[in-house]
């Protein structure tokens, strides 16, 4: 069973997944990646740095929309109207 022990493991996984999906989106259209931030995953002193790393990566790149589930739902409700 794969587990993320260090913050760098989790951050690296999410950065890699995001980069891949952004490249796919450039060719094929929008993609979505949901990143679960359960307390057991990220809410520990040795892991919270992963969130900071992930957000910094996404901001530097500038192509991703960082949104809550509510924001995503409202977007699609509006798009369907």
N, C-alpha and C. Protein backbone atom coordinates (compact mmCIF):
# COMPACT_ATOMS: atom_id res chain seq x y z
N UNK A 1 0.85 -1.17 0.00
CA UNK A 1 0.00 0.00 0.00
C UNK A 1 0.90 1.24 0.00
N UNK A 2 0.60 2.17 -0.89
CA UNK A 2 1.39 3.39 -1.01
C UNK A 2 0.87 4.44 -0.03
N UNK A 3 1.80 5.02 0.70
CA UNK A 3 1.43 6.10 1.63
C UNK A 3 2.43 7.24 1.46
N UNK A 4 1.93 8.43 1.70
CA UNK A 4 2.81 9.60 1.66
C UNK A 4 3.31 9.83 3.08
N UNK A 5 4.59 9.68 3.27
CA UNK A 5 5.17 9.85 4.59
C UNK A 5 5.65 11.28 4.77
N UNK A 6 6.40 11.75 3.79
CA UNK A 6 6.98 13.09 3.87
C UNK A 6 6.16 14.08 3.04
N UNK A 7 6.21 15.33 3.43
CA UNK A 7 5.51 16.38 2.69
C UNK A 7 5.95 16.39 1.23
N UNK A 8 7.24 16.19 0.99
CA UNK A 8 7.77 16.22 -0.37
C UNK A 8 7.16 15.12 -1.24
N UNK A 9 6.84 13.97 -0.65
CA UNK A 9 6.22 12.88 -1.41
C UNK A 9 4.84 13.30 -1.92
N UNK A 10 4.02 13.84 -1.04
CA UNK A 10 2.67 14.26 -1.39
C UNK A 10 2.71 15.43 -2.37
N UNK A 11 3.55 16.43 -2.08
CA UNK A 11 3.65 17.60 -2.95
C UNK A 11 4.13 17.20 -4.34
N UNK A 12 5.13 16.33 -4.41
CA UNK A 12 5.64 15.88 -5.70
C UNK A 12 4.59 15.16 -6.51
N UNK A 13 3.80 14.31 -5.85
CA UNK A 13 2.74 13.60 -6.54
C UNK A 13 1.71 14.57 -7.12
N UNK A 14 1.28 15.53 -6.32
CA UNK A 14 0.26 16.48 -6.79
C UNK A 14 0.83 17.38 -7.88
N UNK A 15 2.07 17.83 -7.75
CA UNK A 15 2.69 18.64 -8.81
C UNK A 15 2.76 17.86 -10.12
N UNK A 16 3.20 16.61 -10.04
CA UNK A 16 3.30 15.78 -11.25
C UNK A 16 1.93 15.57 -11.89
N UNK A 17 0.92 15.28 -11.08
CA UNK A 17 -0.44 15.07 -11.60
C UNK A 17 -0.98 16.34 -12.23
N UNK A 18 -0.76 17.46 -11.58
CA UNK A 18 -1.23 18.75 -12.10
C UNK A 18 -0.55 19.08 -13.42
N UNK A 19 0.75 18.92 -13.47
CA UNK A 19 1.48 19.22 -14.71
C UNK A 19 0.98 18.36 -15.86
N UNK A 20 0.74 17.09 -15.58
CA UNK A 20 0.25 16.18 -16.62
C UNK A 20 -1.12 16.62 -17.12
N UNK A 21 -2.01 16.91 -16.18
CA UNK A 21 -3.37 17.31 -16.56
C UNK A 21 -3.39 18.65 -17.29
N UNK A 22 -2.52 19.56 -16.92
CA UNK A 22 -2.45 20.84 -17.63
C UNK A 22 -1.99 20.66 -19.07
N UNK A 23 -1.06 19.75 -19.29
CA UNK A 23 -0.62 19.46 -20.66
C UNK A 23 -1.75 18.81 -21.45
N UNK A 24 -2.47 17.87 -20.83
CA UNK A 24 -3.63 17.26 -21.50
C UNK A 24 -4.67 18.32 -21.83
N UNK A 25 -4.93 19.22 -20.89
CA UNK A 25 -5.94 20.26 -21.09
C UNK A 25 -5.58 21.17 -22.25
N UNK A 26 -4.30 21.44 -22.41
CA UNK A 26 -3.88 22.29 -23.52
C UNK A 26 -4.21 21.66 -24.87
N UNK A 27 -4.21 20.33 -24.94
CA UNK A 27 -4.50 19.62 -26.18
C UNK A 27 -5.97 19.24 -26.34
N UNK A 28 -6.60 18.87 -25.21
CA UNK A 28 -7.90 18.21 -25.30
C UNK A 28 -9.04 18.92 -24.58
N UNK A 29 -8.77 19.94 -23.81
CA UNK A 29 -9.83 20.62 -23.08
C UNK A 29 -9.68 20.48 -21.58
N UNK A 30 -10.56 21.13 -20.85
CA UNK A 30 -10.43 21.22 -19.38
C UNK A 30 -10.31 19.87 -18.68
N UNK A 31 -9.56 19.89 -17.60
CA UNK A 31 -9.37 18.74 -16.73
C UNK A 31 -9.59 19.21 -15.29
N UNK A 32 -9.82 18.27 -14.39
CA UNK A 32 -9.99 18.61 -12.99
C UNK A 32 -9.22 17.61 -12.13
N UNK A 33 -8.58 18.13 -11.11
CA UNK A 33 -7.90 17.31 -10.13
C UNK A 33 -8.40 17.73 -8.76
N UNK A 34 -8.98 16.80 -8.06
CA UNK A 34 -9.45 17.05 -6.71
C UNK A 34 -8.38 16.57 -5.74
N UNK A 35 -7.92 17.45 -4.88
CA UNK A 35 -6.88 17.11 -3.91
C UNK A 35 -7.51 17.07 -2.53
N UNK A 36 -7.60 15.89 -1.97
CA UNK A 36 -8.17 15.73 -0.64
C UNK A 36 -7.20 16.19 0.43
N UNK A 37 -7.69 16.99 1.33
CA UNK A 37 -6.83 17.52 2.40
C UNK A 37 -7.35 17.06 3.76
N UNK A 38 -7.53 15.77 3.91
CA UNK A 38 -7.99 15.22 5.18
C UNK A 38 -6.94 15.45 6.25
N UNK A 39 -7.41 15.64 7.44
CA UNK A 39 -6.52 15.90 8.57
C UNK A 39 -5.42 14.85 8.70
N UNK A 40 -5.75 13.57 8.46
CA UNK A 40 -4.73 12.53 8.57
C UNK A 40 -3.68 12.65 7.49
N UNK A 41 -4.03 13.26 6.36
CA UNK A 41 -3.08 13.39 5.26
C UNK A 41 -2.19 14.62 5.41
N UNK A 42 -2.78 15.75 5.68
CA UNK A 42 -2.04 17.00 5.60
C UNK A 42 -1.91 17.72 6.94
N UNK A 43 -2.74 17.37 7.90
CA UNK A 43 -2.79 18.12 9.15
C UNK A 43 -1.76 17.75 10.18
N UNK A 44 -0.57 17.46 9.74
CA UNK A 44 0.52 17.13 10.65
C UNK A 44 1.68 18.07 10.37
N UNK A 45 2.43 18.43 11.39
CA UNK A 45 3.50 19.40 11.21
C UNK A 45 4.49 19.03 10.10
N UNK A 46 4.77 17.74 9.96
CA UNK A 46 5.73 17.32 8.95
C UNK A 46 5.16 17.24 7.54
N UNK A 47 3.86 17.49 7.39
CA UNK A 47 3.23 17.37 6.07
C UNK A 47 2.59 18.66 5.57
N UNK A 48 2.26 19.59 6.45
CA UNK A 48 1.53 20.79 6.03
C UNK A 48 2.32 21.60 5.01
N UNK A 49 3.63 21.48 5.04
CA UNK A 49 4.46 22.19 4.06
C UNK A 49 4.15 21.77 2.63
N UNK A 50 3.60 20.57 2.47
CA UNK A 50 3.23 20.10 1.13
C UNK A 50 2.18 21.01 0.51
N UNK A 51 1.21 21.44 1.30
CA UNK A 51 0.17 22.31 0.77
C UNK A 51 0.76 23.64 0.30
N UNK A 52 1.64 24.18 1.10
CA UNK A 52 2.32 25.43 0.73
C UNK A 52 3.09 25.24 -0.59
N UNK A 53 3.78 24.14 -0.71
CA UNK A 53 4.55 23.82 -1.92
C UNK A 53 3.63 23.69 -3.14
N UNK A 54 2.54 22.96 -2.99
CA UNK A 54 1.60 22.75 -4.09
C UNK A 54 1.01 24.07 -4.56
N UNK A 55 0.53 24.88 -3.62
CA UNK A 55 -0.08 26.17 -3.98
C UNK A 55 0.94 27.09 -4.65
N UNK A 56 2.17 27.11 -4.17
CA UNK A 56 3.20 27.94 -4.79
C UNK A 56 3.46 27.48 -6.22
N UNK A 57 3.50 26.16 -6.44
CA UNK A 57 3.72 25.62 -7.78
C UNK A 57 2.59 26.05 -8.72
N UNK A 58 1.36 25.93 -8.26
CA UNK A 58 0.22 26.30 -9.10
C UNK A 58 0.19 27.80 -9.39
N UNK A 59 0.53 28.60 -8.42
CA UNK A 59 0.56 30.06 -8.65
C UNK A 59 1.66 30.44 -9.63
N UNK A 60 2.83 29.81 -9.51
CA UNK A 60 3.93 30.10 -10.44
C UNK A 60 3.54 29.76 -11.86
N UNK A 61 2.90 28.61 -12.04
CA UNK A 61 2.50 28.17 -13.37
C UNK A 61 1.40 29.07 -13.94
N UNK A 62 0.41 29.38 -13.13
CA UNK A 62 -0.63 30.32 -13.52
C UNK A 62 -1.77 29.77 -14.38
N UNK A 63 -1.73 28.50 -14.75
CA UNK A 63 -2.77 27.96 -15.63
C UNK A 63 -3.92 27.30 -14.89
N UNK A 64 -3.75 26.98 -13.63
CA UNK A 64 -4.78 26.24 -12.89
C UNK A 64 -5.71 27.20 -12.15
N UNK A 65 -6.94 26.79 -12.03
CA UNK A 65 -7.92 27.50 -11.21
C UNK A 65 -7.98 26.78 -9.88
N UNK A 66 -7.62 27.44 -8.82
CA UNK A 66 -7.67 26.86 -7.48
C UNK A 66 -9.03 27.23 -6.91
N UNK A 67 -9.88 26.24 -6.73
CA UNK A 67 -11.27 26.51 -6.35
C UNK A 67 -11.76 25.52 -5.30
N UNK A 68 -12.76 25.94 -4.57
CA UNK A 68 -13.42 25.04 -3.64
C UNK A 68 -14.45 24.21 -4.42
N UNK A 69 -14.95 23.17 -3.78
CA UNK A 69 -16.00 22.37 -4.43
C UNK A 69 -17.23 23.22 -4.70
N UNK A 70 -17.55 24.11 -3.78
CA UNK A 70 -18.70 24.99 -3.99
C UNK A 70 -18.50 25.88 -5.21
N UNK A 71 -17.32 26.46 -5.36
CA UNK A 71 -17.04 27.31 -6.52
C UNK A 71 -17.16 26.53 -7.82
N UNK A 72 -16.69 25.30 -7.82
CA UNK A 72 -16.79 24.47 -9.02
C UNK A 72 -18.25 24.17 -9.34
N UNK A 73 -19.02 23.81 -8.33
CA UNK A 73 -20.44 23.52 -8.55
C UNK A 73 -21.17 24.75 -9.08
N UNK A 74 -20.92 25.91 -8.48
CA UNK A 74 -21.58 27.14 -8.94
C UNK A 74 -21.19 27.47 -10.38
N UNK A 75 -19.94 27.23 -10.73
CA UNK A 75 -19.50 27.46 -12.11
C UNK A 75 -20.31 26.63 -13.09
N UNK A 76 -20.46 25.33 -12.79
CA UNK A 76 -21.17 24.44 -13.72
C UNK A 76 -22.67 24.68 -13.72
N UNK A 77 -23.23 25.10 -12.59
CA UNK A 77 -24.64 25.49 -12.56
C UNK A 77 -24.86 26.68 -13.48
N UNK A 78 -23.98 27.67 -13.38
CA UNK A 78 -24.09 28.86 -14.23
C UNK A 78 -23.86 28.52 -15.69
N UNK A 79 -22.94 27.63 -15.97
CA UNK A 79 -22.63 27.26 -17.36
C UNK A 79 -23.80 26.52 -18.00
N UNK A 80 -24.56 25.77 -17.19
CA UNK A 80 -25.67 24.99 -17.71
C UNK A 80 -26.92 25.85 -17.93
N UNK A 81 -26.94 27.02 -17.32
CA UNK A 81 -28.13 27.89 -17.42
C UNK A 81 -28.26 28.58 -18.75
